[in-house]
PDB file of N, CA and C in Angstrom:
ATOM      1  N   UNK A   1      -8.651  20.533  10.381  1.00  0.00           N
ATOM      2  CA  UNK A   1      -7.802  20.303   9.228  1.00  0.00           C
ATOM      3  C   UNK A   1      -7.806  18.818   8.881  1.00  0.00           C
ATOM      4  N   UNK A   2      -8.022  18.516   7.616  1.00  0.00           N
ATOM      5  CA  UNK A   2      -8.078  17.121   7.177  1.00  0.00           C
ATOM      6  C   UNK A   2      -6.679  16.525   7.105  1.00  0.00           C
ATOM      7  N   UNK A   3      -6.567  15.267   7.499  1.00  0.00           N
ATOM      8  CA  UNK A   3      -5.292  14.557   7.444  1.00  0.00           C
ATOM      9  C   UNK A   3      -4.938  14.233   5.997  1.00  0.00           C
ATOM     10  N   UNK A   4      -3.655  14.021   5.778  1.00  0.00           N
ATOM     11  CA  UNK A   4      -3.213  13.531   4.479  1.00  0.00           C
ATOM     12  C   UNK A   4      -3.762  12.130   4.274  1.00  0.00           C
ATOM     13  N   UNK A   5      -3.786  11.708   3.021  1.00  0.00           N
ATOM     14  CA  UNK A   5      -4.182  10.346   2.699  1.00  0.00           C
ATOM     15  C   UNK A   5      -3.051   9.647   1.969  1.00  0.00           C
ATOM     16  N   UNK A   6      -3.066   8.352   2.013  1.00  0.00           N
ATOM     17  CA  UNK A   6      -2.054   7.547   1.346  1.00  0.00           C
ATOM     18  C   UNK A   6      -2.718   6.453   0.531  1.00  0.00           C
ATOM     19  N   UNK A   7      -2.175   6.182  -0.634  1.00  0.00           N
ATOM     20  CA  UNK A   7      -2.492   4.980  -1.394  1.00  0.00           C
ATOM     21  C   UNK A   7      -1.256   4.101  -1.238  1.00  0.00           C
ATOM     22  N   UNK A   8      -1.470   2.816  -1.035  1.00  0.00           N
ATOM     23  CA  UNK A   8      -0.336   1.932  -0.777  1.00  0.00           C
ATOM     24  C   UNK A   8      -0.563   0.562  -1.398  1.00  0.00           C
ATOM     25  N   UNK A   9       0.540  -0.143  -1.604  1.00  0.00           N
ATOM     26  CA  UNK A   9       0.477  -1.515  -2.101  1.00  0.00           C
ATOM     27  C   UNK A   9       1.262  -2.407  -1.151  1.00  0.00           C
ATOM     28  N   UNK A  10       0.596  -3.452  -0.681  1.00  0.00           N
ATOM     29  CA  UNK A  10       1.222  -4.510   0.104  1.00  0.00           C
ATOM     30  C   UNK A  10       1.412  -5.698  -0.831  1.00  0.00           C
ATOM     31  N   UNK A  11       2.476  -6.472  -0.618  1.00  0.00           N
ATOM     32  CA  UNK A  11       2.746  -7.640  -1.459  1.00  0.00           C
ATOM     33  C   UNK A  11       3.164  -8.820  -0.599  1.00  0.00           C
ATOM     34  N   UNK A  12       2.932 -10.024  -1.150  1.00  0.00           N
ATOM     35  CA  UNK A  12       3.366 -11.238  -0.458  1.00  0.00           C
ATOM     36  C   UNK A  12       4.843 -11.510  -0.732  1.00  0.00           C
ATOM     37  N   UNK A  13       5.396 -10.878  -1.739  1.00  0.00           N
ATOM     38  CA  UNK A  13       6.792 -11.040  -2.128  1.00  0.00           C
ATOM     39  C   UNK A  13       6.978 -10.420  -3.498  1.00  0.00           C
ATOM     40  N   UNK A  14       8.183 -10.451  -4.016  1.00  0.00           N
ATOM     41  CA  UNK A  14       8.451  -9.886  -5.344  1.00  0.00           C
ATOM     42  C   UNK A  14       7.576 -10.586  -6.375  1.00  0.00           C
ATOM     43  N   UNK A  15       6.819  -9.801  -7.121  1.00  0.00           N
ATOM     44  CA  UNK A  15       5.892 -10.311  -8.143  1.00  0.00           C
ATOM     45  C   UNK A  15       4.843 -11.259  -7.563  1.00  0.00           C
ATOM     46  N   UNK A  16       4.583 -11.150  -6.270  1.00  0.00           N
ATOM     47  CA  UNK A  16       3.583 -12.003  -5.624  1.00  0.00           C
ATOM     48  C   UNK A  16       2.201 -11.376  -5.662  1.00  0.00           C
ATOM     49  N   UNK A  17       1.371 -11.790  -4.744  1.00  0.00           N
ATOM     50  CA  UNK A  17       0.018 -11.253  -4.621  1.00  0.00           C
ATOM     51  C   UNK A  17       0.108  -9.804  -4.159  1.00  0.00           C
ATOM     52  N   UNK A  18      -0.716  -8.940  -4.776  1.00  0.00           N
ATOM     53  CA  UNK A  18      -0.725  -7.514  -4.451  1.00  0.00           C
ATOM     54  C   UNK A  18      -2.043  -7.114  -3.816  1.00  0.00           C
ATOM     55  N   UNK A  19      -1.962  -6.171  -2.888  1.00  0.00           N
ATOM     56  CA  UNK A  19      -3.152  -5.562  -2.288  1.00  0.00           C
ATOM     57  C   UNK A  19      -2.980  -4.058  -2.352  1.00  0.00           C
ATOM     58  N   UNK A  20      -3.978  -3.377  -2.865  1.00  0.00           N
ATOM     59  CA  UNK A  20      -3.966  -1.922  -3.005  1.00  0.00           C
ATOM     60  C   UNK A  20      -4.986  -1.333  -2.043  1.00  0.00           C
ATOM     61  N   UNK A  21      -4.581  -0.348  -1.251  1.00  0.00           N
ATOM     62  CA  UNK A  21      -5.490   0.260  -0.293  1.00  0.00           C
ATOM     63  C   UNK A  21      -5.244   1.749  -0.133  1.00  0.00           C
ATOM     64  N   UNK A  22      -6.106   2.388   0.656  1.00  0.00           N
ATOM     65  CA  UNK A  22      -5.970   3.814   0.990  1.00  0.00           C
ATOM     66  C   UNK A  22      -6.226   3.971   2.481  1.00  0.00           C
ATOM     67  N   UNK A  23      -5.528   4.922   3.096  1.00  0.00           N
ATOM     68  CA  UNK A  23      -5.661   5.142   4.530  1.00  0.00           C
ATOM     69  C   UNK A  23      -5.196   6.552   4.884  1.00  0.00           C
ATOM     70  N   UNK A  24      -5.563   7.002   6.073  1.00  0.00           N
ATOM     71  CA  UNK A  24      -5.051   8.280   6.576  1.00  0.00           C
ATOM     72  C   UNK A  24      -3.877   8.055   7.530  1.00  0.00           C
ATOM     73  N   UNK A  25      -3.654   6.807   7.947  1.00  0.00           N
ATOM     74  CA  UNK A  25      -2.577   6.491   8.895  1.00  0.00           C
ATOM     75  C   UNK A  25      -1.799   5.286   8.359  1.00  0.00           C
ATOM     76  N   UNK A  26      -0.858   5.551   7.470  1.00  0.00           N
ATOM     77  CA  UNK A  26      -0.133   4.467   6.807  1.00  0.00           C
ATOM     78  C   UNK A  26       0.697   3.616   7.766  1.00  0.00           C
ATOM     79  N   UNK A  27       1.456   4.184   8.692  1.00  0.00           N
ATOM     80  CA  UNK A  27       2.212   3.308   9.604  1.00  0.00           C
ATOM     81  C   UNK A  27       1.307   2.332  10.361  1.00  0.00           C
ATOM     82  N   UNK A  28       0.187   2.823  10.863  1.00  0.00           N
ATOM     83  CA  UNK A  28      -0.737   1.958  11.608  1.00  0.00           C
ATOM     84  C   UNK A  28      -1.327   0.881  10.700  1.00  0.00           C
ATOM     85  N   UNK A  29      -1.790   1.271   9.530  1.00  0.00           N
ATOM     86  CA  UNK A  29      -2.447   0.319   8.630  1.00  0.00           C
ATOM     87  C   UNK A  29      -1.461  -0.729   8.122  1.00  0.00           C
ATOM     88  N   UNK A  30      -0.250  -0.315   7.762  1.00  0.00           N
ATOM     89  CA  UNK A  30       0.757  -1.274   7.296  1.00  0.00           C
ATOM     90  C   UNK A  30       1.113  -2.240   8.425  1.00  0.00           C
ATOM     91  N   UNK A  31       1.216  -1.738   9.659  1.00  0.00           N
ATOM     92  CA  UNK A  31       1.485  -2.598  10.808  1.00  0.00           C
ATOM     93  C   UNK A  31       0.386  -3.657  10.956  1.00  0.00           C
ATOM     94  N   UNK A  32      -0.871  -3.233  10.796  1.00  0.00           N
ATOM     95  CA  UNK A  32      -1.995  -4.173  10.893  1.00  0.00           C
ATOM     96  C   UNK A  32      -1.886  -5.274   9.843  1.00  0.00           C
ATOM     97  N   UNK A  33      -1.545  -4.902   8.606  1.00  0.00           N
ATOM     98  CA  UNK A  33      -1.374  -5.915   7.555  1.00  0.00           C
ATOM     99  C   UNK A  33      -0.212  -6.850   7.895  1.00  0.00           C
ATOM    100  N   UNK A  34       0.905  -6.293   8.289  1.00  0.00           N
ATOM    101  CA  UNK A  34       2.107  -7.088   8.586  1.00  0.00           C
ATOM    102  C   UNK A  34       1.863  -8.100   9.699  1.00  0.00           C
ATOM    103  N   UNK A  35       1.042  -7.728  10.656  1.00  0.00           N
ATOM    104  CA  UNK A  35       0.818  -8.572  11.823  1.00  0.00           C
ATOM    105  C   UNK A  35      -0.471  -9.387  11.763  1.00  0.00           C
ATOM    106  N   UNK A  36      -1.173  -9.332  10.624  1.00  0.00           N
ATOM    107  CA  UNK A  36      -2.383 -10.135  10.452  1.00  0.00           C
ATOM    108  C   UNK A  36      -3.479  -9.816  11.441  1.00  0.00           C
ATOM    109  N   UNK A  37      -3.549  -8.567  11.875  1.00  0.00           N
ATOM    110  CA  UNK A  37      -4.517  -8.146  12.893  1.00  0.00           C
ATOM    111  C   UNK A  37      -5.950  -8.214  12.369  1.00  0.00           C
ATOM    112  N   UNK A  38      -6.141  -7.868  11.108  1.00  0.00           N
ATOM    113  CA  UNK A  38      -7.479  -7.801  10.531  1.00  0.00           C
ATOM    114  C   UNK A  38      -7.704  -8.993   9.603  1.00  0.00           C
ATOM    115  N   UNK A  39      -8.809  -9.673   9.821  1.00  0.00           N
ATOM    116  CA  UNK A  39      -9.209 -10.788   8.964  1.00  0.00           C
ATOM    117  C   UNK A  39      -9.435 -10.251   7.552  1.00  0.00           C
ATOM    118  N   UNK A  40      -9.017 -10.976   6.543  1.00  0.00           N
ATOM    119  CA  UNK A  40      -9.306 -10.541   5.177  1.00  0.00           C
ATOM    120  C   UNK A  40      -8.243 -10.945   4.179  1.00  0.00           C
ATOM    121  N   UNK A  41      -8.255 -10.251   3.047  1.00  0.00           N
ATOM    122  CA  UNK A  41      -7.423 -10.595   1.898  1.00  0.00           C
ATOM    123  C   UNK A  41      -5.938 -10.631   2.225  1.00  0.00           C
ATOM    124  N   UNK A  42      -5.425  -9.577   2.867  1.00  0.00           N
ATOM    125  CA  UNK A  42      -3.978  -9.516   3.103  1.00  0.00           C
ATOM    126  C   UNK A  42      -3.526 -10.601   4.074  1.00  0.00           C
ATOM    127  N   UNK A  43      -4.347 -10.916   5.041  1.00  0.00           N
ATOM    128  CA  UNK A  43      -3.999 -11.991   5.976  1.00  0.00           C
ATOM    129  C   UNK A  43      -4.019 -13.344   5.266  1.00  0.00           C
ATOM    130  N   UNK A  44      -5.057 -13.572   4.477  1.00  0.00           N
ATOM    131  CA  UNK A  44      -5.200 -14.843   3.755  1.00  0.00           C
ATOM    132  C   UNK A  44      -4.052 -15.064   2.767  1.00  0.00           C
ATOM    133  N   UNK A  45      -3.646 -13.995   2.072  1.00  0.00           N
ATOM    134  CA  UNK A  45      -2.625 -14.107   1.027  1.00  0.00           C
ATOM    135  C   UNK A  45      -1.225 -13.693   1.497  1.00  0.00           C
ATOM    136  N   UNK A  46      -1.095 -13.431   2.795  1.00  0.00           N
ATOM    137  CA  UNK A  46       0.198 -13.088   3.415  1.00  0.00           C
ATOM    138  C   UNK A  46       0.880 -11.875   2.761  1.00  0.00           C
ATOM    139  N   UNK A  47       0.097 -10.862   2.494  1.00  0.00           N
ATOM    140  CA  UNK A  47       0.637  -9.610   1.932  1.00  0.00           C
ATOM    141  C   UNK A  47       1.155  -8.768   3.095  1.00  0.00           C
ATOM    142  N   UNK A  48       2.423  -8.938   3.415  1.00  0.00           N
ATOM    143  CA  UNK A  48       3.007  -8.294   4.595  1.00  0.00           C
ATOM    144  C   UNK A  48       4.058  -7.248   4.260  1.00  0.00           C
ATOM    145  N   UNK A  49       4.435  -7.127   3.007  1.00  0.00           N
ATOM    146  CA  UNK A  49       5.481  -6.176   2.618  1.00  0.00           C
ATOM    147  C   UNK A  49       4.852  -4.903   2.055  1.00  0.00           C
ATOM    148  N   UNK A  50       5.203  -3.772   2.617  1.00  0.00           N
ATOM    149  CA  UNK A  50       4.787  -2.484   2.066  1.00  0.00           C
ATOM    150  C   UNK A  50       5.786  -2.145   0.964  1.00  0.00           C
ATOM    151  N   UNK A  51       5.357  -2.273  -0.298  1.00  0.00           N
ATOM    152  CA  UNK A  51       6.298  -2.117  -1.413  1.00  0.00           C
ATOM    153  C   UNK A  51       6.133  -0.805  -2.174  1.00  0.00           C
ATOM    154  N   UNK A  52       5.033  -0.078  -1.938  1.00  0.00           N
ATOM    155  CA  UNK A  52       4.816   1.186  -2.649  1.00  0.00           C
ATOM    156  C   UNK A  52       3.794   2.005  -1.882  1.00  0.00           C
ATOM    157  N   UNK A  53       3.991   3.324  -1.887  1.00  0.00           N
ATOM    158  CA  UNK A  53       2.965   4.218  -1.347  1.00  0.00           C
ATOM    159  C   UNK A  53       3.152   5.608  -1.926  1.00  0.00           C
ATOM    160  N   UNK A  54       2.076   6.368  -1.856  1.00  0.00           N
ATOM    161  CA  UNK A  54       2.109   7.751  -2.314  1.00  0.00           C
ATOM    162  C   UNK A  54       1.181   8.565  -1.419  1.00  0.00           C
ATOM    163  N   UNK A  55       1.631   9.752  -1.040  1.00  0.00           N
ATOM    164  CA  UNK A  55       0.847  10.617  -0.166  1.00  0.00           C
ATOM    165  C   UNK A  55       0.022  11.598  -0.999  1.00  0.00           C
ATOM    166  N   UNK A  56      -1.182  11.899  -0.502  1.00  0.00           N
ATOM    167  CA  UNK A  56      -2.089  12.858  -1.137  1.00  0.00           C
ATOM    168  C   UNK A  56      -2.520  13.893  -0.110  1.00  0.00           C
ATOM    169  N   UNK A  57      -3.005  15.001  -0.583  1.00  0.00           N
ATOM    170  CA  UNK A  57      -3.405  16.112   0.282  1.00  0.00           C
ATOM    171  C   UNK A  57      -4.553  15.768   1.216  1.00  0.00           C
ATOM    172  N   UNK A  58      -5.380  14.801   0.835  1.00  0.00           N
ATOM    173  CA  UNK A  58      -6.522  14.423   1.665  1.00  0.00           C
ATOM    174  C   UNK A  58      -6.826  12.942   1.477  1.00  0.00           C
ATOM    175  N   UNK A  59      -7.585  12.385   2.419  1.00  0.00           N
ATOM    176  CA  UNK A  59      -8.003  10.997   2.306  1.00  0.00           C
ATOM    177  C   UNK A  59      -8.935  10.830   1.108  1.00  0.00           C
ATOM    178  N   UNK A  60      -9.778  11.808   0.850  1.00  0.00           N
ATOM    179  CA  UNK A  60     -10.670  11.730  -0.321  1.00  0.00           C
ATOM    180  C   UNK A  60      -9.873  11.623  -1.616  1.00  0.00           C
ATOM    181  N   UNK A  61      -8.804  12.408  -1.736  1.00  0.00           N
ATOM    182  CA  UNK A  61      -7.959  12.352  -2.936  1.00  0.00           C
ATOM    183  C   UNK A  61      -7.280  10.986  -3.042  1.00  0.00           C
ATOM    184  N   UNK A  62      -6.846  10.437  -1.919  1.00  0.00           N
ATOM    185  CA  UNK A  62      -6.209   9.111  -1.921  1.00  0.00           C
ATOM    186  C   UNK A  62      -7.216   8.037  -2.317  1.00  0.00           C
ATOM    187  N   UNK A  63      -8.418   8.114  -1.790  1.00  0.00           N
ATOM    188  CA  UNK A  63      -9.447   7.121  -2.141  1.00  0.00           C
ATOM    189  C   UNK A  63      -9.806   7.197  -3.621  1.00  0.00           C
ATOM    190  N   UNK A  64      -9.862   8.405  -4.164  1.00  0.00           N
ATOM    191  CA  UNK A  64     -10.138   8.570  -5.590  1.00  0.00           C
ATOM    192  C   UNK A  64      -9.045   7.898  -6.420  1.00  0.00           C
ATOM    193  N   UNK A  65      -7.780   8.128  -6.032  1.00  0.00           N
ATOM    194  CA  UNK A  65      -6.662   7.511  -6.747  1.00  0.00           C
ATOM    195  C   UNK A  65      -6.673   5.997  -6.584  1.00  0.00           C
ATOM    196  N   UNK A  66      -7.005   5.521  -5.393  1.00  0.00           N
ATOM    197  CA  UNK A  66      -7.105   4.079  -5.150  1.00  0.00           C
ATOM    198  C   UNK A  66      -8.112   3.446  -6.116  1.00  0.00           C
ATOM    199  N   UNK A  67      -9.266   4.055  -6.257  1.00  0.00           N
ATOM    200  CA  UNK A  67     -10.291   3.517  -7.164  1.00  0.00           C
ATOM    201  C   UNK A  67      -9.805   3.495  -8.606  1.00  0.00           C
ATOM    202  N   UNK A  68      -9.072   4.529  -9.005  1.00  0.00           N
ATOM    203  CA  UNK A  68      -8.499   4.539 -10.355  1.00  0.00           C
ATOM    204  C   UNK A  68      -7.520   3.381 -10.522  1.00  0.00           C
ATOM    205  N   UNK A  69      -6.622   3.237  -9.561  1.00  0.00           N
ATOM    206  CA  UNK A  69      -5.571   2.220  -9.670  1.00  0.00           C
ATOM    207  C   UNK A  69      -6.113   0.799  -9.572  1.00  0.00           C
ATOM    208  N   UNK A  70      -7.223   0.612  -8.869  1.00  0.00           N
ATOM    209  CA  UNK A  70      -7.815  -0.731  -8.780  1.00  0.00           C
ATOM    210  C   UNK A  70      -8.286  -1.222 -10.148  1.00  0.00           C
ATOM    211  N   UNK A  71      -8.504  -0.309 -11.067  1.00  0.00           N
ATOM    212  CA  UNK A  71      -8.910  -0.697 -12.431  1.00  0.00           C
ATOM    213  C   UNK A  71      -7.708  -0.962 -13.329  1.00  0.00           C
ATOM    214  N   UNK A  72      -6.529  -0.685 -12.844  1.00  0.00           N
ATOM    215  CA  UNK A  72      -5.310  -0.875 -13.629  1.00  0.00           C
ATOM    216  C   UNK A  72      -5.004  -2.350 -13.834  1.00  0.00           C
ATOM    217  N   UNK A  73      -4.298  -2.617 -14.912  1.00  0.00           N
ATOM    218  CA  UNK A  73      -3.750  -3.948 -15.137  1.00  0.00           C
ATOM    219  C   UNK A  73      -2.629  -4.187 -14.125  1.00  0.00           C
ATOM    220  N   UNK A  74      -2.400  -5.440 -13.809  1.00  0.00           N
ATOM    221  CA  UNK A  74      -1.341  -5.809 -12.866  1.00  0.00           C
ATOM    222  C   UNK A  74       0.022  -5.282 -13.320  1.00  0.00           C
ATOM    223  N   UNK A  75       0.304  -5.354 -14.614  1.00  0.00           N
ATOM    224  CA  UNK A  75       1.609  -4.897 -15.117  1.00  0.00           C
ATOM    225  C   UNK A  75       1.821  -3.414 -14.839  1.00  0.00           C
ATOM    226  N   UNK A  76       0.772  -2.618 -14.874  1.00  0.00           N
ATOM    227  CA  UNK A  76       0.897  -1.193 -14.575  1.00  0.00           C
ATOM    228  C   UNK A  76       1.247  -0.987 -13.103  1.00  0.00           C
ATOM    229  N   UNK A  77       0.632  -1.782 -12.212  1.00  0.00           N
ATOM    230  CA  UNK A  77       0.928  -1.683 -10.779  1.00  0.00           C
ATOM    231  C   UNK A  77       2.376  -2.087 -10.512  1.00  0.00           C
ATOM    232  N   UNK A  78       2.832  -3.141 -11.174  1.00  0.00           N
ATOM    233  CA  UNK A  78       4.216  -3.586 -11.004  1.00  0.00           C
ATOM    234  C   UNK A  78       5.184  -2.514 -11.488  1.00  0.00           C
ATOM    235  N   UNK A  79       4.867  -1.872 -12.599  1.00  0.00           N
ATOM    236  CA  UNK A  79       5.717  -0.783 -13.102  1.00  0.00           C
ATOM    237  C   UNK A  79       5.770   0.360 -12.085  1.00  0.00           C
ATOM    238  N   UNK A  80       4.661   0.662 -11.456  1.00  0.00           N
ATOM    239  CA  UNK A  80       4.598   1.713 -10.432  1.00  0.00           C
ATOM    240  C   UNK A  80       5.480   1.330  -9.232  1.00  0.00           C
ATOM    241  N   UNK A  81       5.375   0.091  -8.785  1.00  0.00           N
ATOM    242  CA  UNK A  81       6.196  -0.391  -7.667  1.00  0.00           C
ATOM    243  C   UNK A  81       7.670  -0.280  -8.017  1.00  0.00           C
ATOM    244  N   UNK A  82       8.052  -0.809  -9.168  1.00  0.00           N
ATOM    245  CA  UNK A  82       9.463  -0.863  -9.534  1.00  0.00           C
ATOM    246  C   UNK A  82      10.042   0.505  -9.875  1.00  0.00           C
ATOM    247  N   UNK A  83       9.185   1.483 -10.190  1.00  0.00           N
ATOM    248  CA  UNK A  83       9.656   2.848 -10.391  1.00  0.00           C
ATOM    249  C   UNK A  83      10.121   3.474  -9.090  1.00  0.00           C
ATOM    250  N   UNK A  84       9.465   3.141  -7.995  1.00  0.00           N
ATOM    251  CA  UNK A  84       9.812   3.662  -6.667  1.00  0.00           C
ATOM    252  C   UNK A  84      10.763   2.719  -5.933  1.00  0.00           C
ATOM    253  N   UNK A  85      10.565   1.433  -6.116  1.00  0.00           N
ATOM    254  CA  UNK A  85      11.195   0.426  -5.271  1.00  0.00           C
ATOM    255  C   UNK A  85      11.618  -0.777  -6.122  1.00  0.00           C
ATOM    256  N   UNK A  86      12.663  -0.613  -6.943  1.00  0.00           N
ATOM    257  CA  UNK A  86      13.032  -1.659  -7.902  1.00  0.00           C
ATOM    258  C   UNK A  86      13.381  -3.007  -7.273  1.00  0.00           C
ATOM    259  N   UNK A  87      13.810  -3.013  -6.020  1.00  0.00           N
ATOM    260  CA  UNK A  87      14.175  -4.268  -5.357  1.00  0.00           C
ATOM    261  C   UNK A  87      13.042  -4.853  -4.511  1.00  0.00           C
ATOM    262  N   UNK A  88      11.876  -4.209  -4.531  1.00  0.00           N
ATOM    263  CA  UNK A  88      10.717  -4.665  -3.762  1.00  0.00           C
ATOM    264  C   UNK A  88      11.059  -4.760  -2.269  1.00  0.00           C
ATOM    265  N   UNK A  89      11.837  -3.802  -1.791  1.00  0.00           N
ATOM    266  CA  UNK A  89      12.160  -3.767  -0.357  1.00  0.00           C
ATOM    267  C   UNK A  89      10.894  -3.475   0.440  1.00  0.00           C
ATOM    268  N   UNK A  90      10.873  -3.909   1.689  1.00  0.00           N
ATOM    269  CA  UNK A  90       9.785  -3.566   2.594  1.00  0.00           C
ATOM    270  C   UNK A  90      10.043  -2.146   3.085  1.00  0.00           C
ATOM    271  N   UNK A  91       9.156  -1.229   2.755  1.00  0.00           N
ATOM    272  CA  UNK A  91       9.339   0.187   3.079  1.00  0.00           C
ATOM    273  C   UNK A  91       8.825   0.552   4.472  1.00  0.00           C
ATOM    274  N   UNK A  92       8.285  -0.398   5.193  1.00  0.00           N
ATOM    275  CA  UNK A  92       7.673  -0.110   6.487  1.00  0.00           C
ATOM    276  C   UNK A  92       8.615   0.602   7.449  1.00  0.00           C
ATOM    277  N   UNK A  93       9.840   0.131   7.573  1.00  0.00           N
ATOM    278  CA  UNK A  93      10.782   0.738   8.528  1.00  0.00           C
ATOM    279  C   UNK A  93      11.277   2.114   8.090  1.00  0.00           C
ATOM    280  N   UNK A  94      10.975   2.501   6.881  1.00  0.00           N
ATOM    281  CA  UNK A  94      11.390   3.822   6.380  1.00  0.00           C
ATOM    282  C   UNK A  94      10.280   4.867   6.511  1.00  0.00           C
ATOM    283  N   UNK A  95       9.106   4.437   6.987  1.00  0.00           N
ATOM    284  CA  UNK A  95       7.990   5.373   7.135  1.00  0.00           C
ATOM    285  C   UNK A  95       8.247   6.337   8.278  1.00  0.00           C
ATOM    286  N   UNK A  96       7.857   7.605   8.073  1.00  0.00           N
ATOM    287  CA  UNK A  96       7.917   8.529   9.216  1.00  0.00           C
ATOM    288  C   UNK A  96       6.821   8.158  10.209  1.00  0.00           C
ATOM    289  N   UNK A  97       7.006   8.417  11.485  1.00  0.00           N
ATOM    290  CA  UNK A  97       5.956   8.106  12.463  1.00  0.00           C
ATOM    291  C   UNK A  97       4.689   8.921  12.176  1.00  0.00           C
ATOM    292  N   UNK A  98       3.544   8.360  12.510  1.00  0.00           N
ATOM    293  CA  UNK A  98       2.267   9.061  12.251  1.00  0.00           C
ATOM    294  C   UNK A  98       1.977  10.100  13.314  1.00  0.00           C
TER     295      UNK A  98
END
């Protein structure tokens, strides 16, 4: 059975730098971003806050949505974040365990 997939947005702060990704294990991946475990964009730009996510039936579906959203304008991504999380709270501690 295929695992669910997630599309997520990490941010450096309210209206800060955004990173959009997809994963099958959101708690693990968000933890990696928060702790700077992996070299790359989120570590360089300090994107440590999980500000938005959405679950999909499969990782393939999440990756497809991620590719669509990567073409979006920044204002559309911000509208998506603020629709779910108007205060830009860090949602990491609210995630169910994987």
